[in-house]
C-alpha atoms as a PDB file:
ATOM      1  CA  UNK A   1     -26.104 -58.270  21.781  1.00  0.00           C
ATOM      2  CA  UNK A   2     -28.467 -57.234  18.963  1.00  0.00           C
ATOM      3  CA  UNK A   3     -29.991 -54.529  21.129  1.00  0.00           C
ATOM      4  CA  UNK A   4     -26.567 -52.979  21.717  1.00  0.00           C
ATOM      5  CA  UNK A   5     -25.770 -52.869  17.994  1.00  0.00           C
ATOM      6  CA  UNK A   6     -29.159 -51.380  17.135  1.00  0.00           C
ATOM      7  CA  UNK A   7     -28.764 -48.799  19.907  1.00  0.00           C
ATOM      8  CA  UNK A   8     -25.244 -47.879  18.724  1.00  0.00           C
ATOM      9  CA  UNK A   9     -26.411 -47.448  15.095  1.00  0.00           C
ATOM     10  CA  UNK A  10     -29.330 -45.341  16.289  1.00  0.00           C
ATOM     11  CA  UNK A  11     -26.977 -43.044  18.296  1.00  0.00           C
ATOM     12  CA  UNK A  12     -24.639 -42.649  15.308  1.00  0.00           C
ATOM     13  CA  UNK A  13     -27.538 -41.706  13.030  1.00  0.00           C
ATOM     14  CA  UNK A  14     -28.822 -39.250  15.614  1.00  0.00           C
ATOM     15  CA  UNK A  15     -25.463 -37.462  15.912  1.00  0.00           C
ATOM     16  CA  UNK A  16     -25.014 -37.399  12.129  1.00  0.00           C
ATOM     17  CA  UNK A  17     -28.473 -35.849  11.764  1.00  0.00           C
ATOM     18  CA  UNK A  18     -27.719 -33.138  14.325  1.00  0.00           C
ATOM     19  CA  UNK A  19     -24.415 -32.318  12.585  1.00  0.00           C
ATOM     20  CA  UNK A  20     -26.194 -32.011   9.252  1.00  0.00           C
ATOM     21  CA  UNK A  21     -28.769 -29.673  10.804  1.00  0.00           C
ATOM     22  CA  UNK A  22     -25.965 -27.540  12.280  1.00  0.00           C
ATOM     23  CA  UNK A  23     -24.145 -27.049   8.966  1.00  0.00           C
ATOM     24  CA  UNK A  24     -27.406 -26.412   7.108  1.00  0.00           C
ATOM     25  CA  UNK A  25     -28.386 -23.616   9.502  1.00  0.00           C
ATOM     26  CA  UNK A  26     -24.892 -22.117   9.333  1.00  0.00           C
ATOM     27  CA  UNK A  27     -25.008 -21.977   5.518  1.00  0.00           C
ATOM     28  CA  UNK A  28     -28.433 -20.362   5.652  1.00  0.00           C
ATOM     29  CA  UNK A  29     -27.187 -17.654   8.034  1.00  0.00           C
ATOM     30  CA  UNK A  30     -24.234 -16.821   5.772  1.00  0.00           C
ATOM     31  CA  UNK A  31     -26.497 -16.449   2.743  1.00  0.00           C
ATOM     32  CA  UNK A  32     -28.909 -14.166   4.568  1.00  0.00           C
ATOM     33  CA  UNK A  33     -26.204 -11.640   5.487  1.00  0.00           C
ATOM     34  CA  UNK A  34     -25.768  -8.796   2.992  1.00  0.00           C
ATOM     35  CA  UNK A  35     -22.622  -9.041   0.925  1.00  0.00           C
ATOM     36  CA  UNK A  36     -20.080  -6.246   0.802  1.00  0.00           C
ATOM     37  CA  UNK A  37     -20.152  -3.848  -2.102  1.00  0.00           C
ATOM     38  CA  UNK A  38     -17.185  -5.300  -3.959  1.00  0.00           C
ATOM     39  CA  UNK A  39     -17.062  -5.331  -7.750  1.00  0.00           C
ATOM     40  CA  UNK A  40     -17.719  -8.742  -9.246  1.00  0.00           C
ATOM     41  CA  UNK A  41     -18.332 -10.259 -12.663  1.00  0.00           C
ATOM     42  CA  UNK A  42     -22.092  -9.823 -12.340  1.00  0.00           C
ATOM     43  CA  UNK A  43     -21.993  -6.154 -11.373  1.00  0.00           C
ATOM     44  CA  UNK A  44     -18.573  -4.513 -11.927  1.00  0.00           C
ATOM     45  CA  UNK A  45     -19.877  -1.000 -11.216  1.00  0.00           C
ATOM     46  CA  UNK A  46     -20.507  -1.539  -7.492  1.00  0.00           C
ATOM     47  CA  UNK A  47     -17.134  -0.211  -6.392  1.00  0.00           C
ATOM     48  CA  UNK A  48     -17.278   3.163  -4.720  1.00  0.00           C
ATOM     49  CA  UNK A  49     -14.736   5.647  -6.002  1.00  0.00           C
ATOM     50  CA  UNK A  50     -12.777   7.479  -3.347  1.00  0.00           C
ATOM     51  CA  UNK A  51     -11.990  11.135  -3.679  1.00  0.00           C
ATOM     52  CA  UNK A  52      -8.665  12.133  -2.241  1.00  0.00           C
ATOM     53  CA  UNK A  53      -9.303  15.872  -2.213  1.00  0.00           C
ATOM     54  CA  UNK A  54      -9.728  17.418   1.247  1.00  0.00           C
ATOM     55  CA  UNK A  55     -13.302  17.716   2.425  1.00  0.00           C
ATOM     56  CA  UNK A  56     -14.601  21.239   2.595  1.00  0.00           C
ATOM     57  CA  UNK A  57     -16.104  22.623   5.770  1.00  0.00           C
ATOM     58  CA  UNK A  58     -19.467  24.350   5.805  1.00  0.00           C
ATOM     59  CA  UNK A  59     -17.758  27.760   6.011  1.00  0.00           C
ATOM     60  CA  UNK A  60     -15.611  27.171   2.954  1.00  0.00           C
ATOM     61  CA  UNK A  61     -18.509  25.948   0.786  1.00  0.00           C
ATOM     62  CA  UNK A  62     -19.664  29.541   0.366  1.00  0.00           C
ATOM     63  CA  UNK A  63     -16.200  30.598  -0.771  1.00  0.00           C
ATOM     64  CA  UNK A  64     -15.590  27.561  -2.974  1.00  0.00           C
ATOM     65  CA  UNK A  65     -17.821  28.843  -5.739  1.00  0.00           C
ATOM     66  CA  UNK A  66     -15.808  32.090  -5.848  1.00  0.00           C
ATOM     67  CA  UNK A  67     -12.296  30.579  -5.812  1.00  0.00           C
ATOM     68  CA  UNK A  68     -10.579  28.471  -8.378  1.00  0.00           C
ATOM     69  CA  UNK A  69      -8.884  25.173  -7.438  1.00  0.00           C
ATOM     70  CA  UNK A  70      -5.550  26.997  -7.565  1.00  0.00           C
ATOM     71  CA  UNK A  71      -6.756  29.542  -5.014  1.00  0.00           C
ATOM     72  CA  UNK A  72      -8.069  26.728  -2.794  1.00  0.00           C
ATOM     73  CA  UNK A  73      -4.633  25.087  -2.974  1.00  0.00           C
ATOM     74  CA  UNK A  74      -2.922  28.261  -1.783  1.00  0.00           C
ATOM     75  CA  UNK A  75      -5.425  28.601   1.075  1.00  0.00           C
ATOM     76  CA  UNK A  76      -4.688  25.026   2.176  1.00  0.00           C
ATOM     77  CA  UNK A  77      -0.950  25.756   2.055  1.00  0.00           C
ATOM     78  CA  UNK A  78      -1.451  28.834   4.262  1.00  0.00           C
ATOM     79  CA  UNK A  79      -3.418  26.757   6.790  1.00  0.00           C
ATOM     80  CA  UNK A  80      -0.684  24.114   6.753  1.00  0.00           C
ATOM     81  CA  UNK A  81       1.962  26.773   7.386  1.00  0.00           C
ATOM     82  CA  UNK A  82      -0.036  28.036  10.385  1.00  0.00           C
ATOM     83  CA  UNK A  83      -0.173  24.527  11.812  1.00  0.00           C
ATOM     84  CA  UNK A  84       3.583  24.117  11.337  1.00  0.00           C
ATOM     85  CA  UNK A  85       4.313  27.406  13.080  1.00  0.00           C
ATOM     86  CA  UNK A  86       2.077  26.392  15.980  1.00  0.00           C
ATOM     87  CA  UNK A  87       3.875  23.038  16.258  1.00  0.00           C
ATOM     88  CA  UNK A  88       7.241  24.827  16.322  1.00  0.00           C
ATOM     89  CA  UNK A  89       6.028  27.036  19.181  1.00  0.00           C
ATOM     90  CA  UNK A  90       4.864  23.932  21.050  1.00  0.00           C
ATOM     91  CA  UNK A  91       8.284  22.294  20.615  1.00  0.00           C
ATOM     92  CA  UNK A  92       9.938  25.286  22.337  1.00  0.00           C
ATOM     93  CA  UNK A  93       8.190  24.391  25.606  1.00  0.00           C
ATOM     94  CA  UNK A  94      10.516  22.873  28.209  1.00  0.00           C
ATOM     95  CA  UNK A  95       8.523  19.664  28.084  1.00  0.00           C
ATOM     96  CA  UNK A  96      10.008  19.028  24.640  1.00  0.00           C
ATOM     97  CA  UNK A  97      13.267  21.013  24.639  1.00  0.00           C
ATOM     98  CA  UNK A  98      14.699  20.494  28.161  1.00  0.00           C
ATOM     99  CA  UNK A  99      16.474  17.119  28.591  1.00  0.00           C
ATOM    100  CA  UNK A 100      15.569  17.034  32.308  1.00  0.00           C
ATOM    101  CA  UNK A 101      11.938  16.356  31.399  1.00  0.00           C
ATOM    102  CA  UNK A 102      12.624  13.021  29.610  1.00  0.00           C
ATOM    103  CA  UNK A 103       9.442  13.531  27.564  1.00  0.00           C
ATOM    104  CA  UNK A 104       7.268  14.105  30.662  1.00  0.00           C
ATOM    105  CA  UNK A 105       4.988  17.110  31.121  1.00  0.00           C
ATOM    106  CA  UNK A 106       6.756  17.943  34.392  1.00  0.00           C
ATOM    107  CA  UNK A 107      10.287  16.911  35.326  1.00  0.00           C
ATOM    108  CA  UNK A 108      10.229  13.615  37.242  1.00  0.00           C
ATOM    109  CA  UNK A 109      11.024  13.605  40.941  1.00  0.00           C
ATOM    110  CA  UNK A 110      14.563  12.779  41.983  1.00  0.00           C
ATOM    111  CA  UNK A 111      14.425   9.910  44.457  1.00  0.00           C
ATOM    112  CA  UNK A 112      17.016   8.016  46.454  1.00  0.00           C
ATOM    113  CA  UNK A 113      18.543   5.021  44.706  1.00  0.00           C
ATOM    114  CA  UNK A 114      16.667   2.669  47.057  1.00  0.00           C
ATOM    115  CA  UNK A 115      13.269   4.269  46.285  1.00  0.00           C
ATOM    116  CA  UNK A 116      13.585   4.725  42.530  1.00  0.00           C
ATOM    117  CA  UNK A 117      10.655   3.551  40.435  1.00  0.00           C
ATOM    118  CA  UNK A 118      10.611   2.315  36.852  1.00  0.00           C
ATOM    119  CA  UNK A 119       8.841   4.797  34.595  1.00  0.00           C
ATOM    120  CA  UNK A 120       6.547   3.321  31.953  1.00  0.00           C
ATOM    121  CA  UNK A 121       6.634   6.522  29.904  1.00  0.00           C
ATOM    122  CA  UNK A 122      10.371   6.876  29.337  1.00  0.00           C
ATOM    123  CA  UNK A 123      11.718   3.486  30.441  1.00  0.00           C
ATOM    124  CA  UNK A 124      14.129   4.953  32.991  1.00  0.00           C
ATOM    125  CA  UNK A 125      14.272   4.479  36.753  1.00  0.00           C
ATOM    126  CA  UNK A 126      13.884   7.781  38.536  1.00  0.00           C
END
């Protein structure tokens, strides 16, 4: 009877020791990882400031010294207008303008009612 009690206490101490070792190693790992660069009370200047101006390409860096910010703004507006015109031309394609295409690149095949398949792209059986 005494042997069983001593053995049970020994097993409980052994498991408690292994649990303590586990949590100790986990805390050590968390401390060793570098912390993120967030501002805190010790060092409030660690925050990185984001610039919301568009990044300049290597070609435009040569011109940037010659142009004022106002001129750069007008150049960006011209580029944006070009992109819009290109998008309008794309929308004239039958893929986007013809209702028979249902949003597909090519019009879907017309099958018999018994052989129709459910389309994942448009959600229609055709």
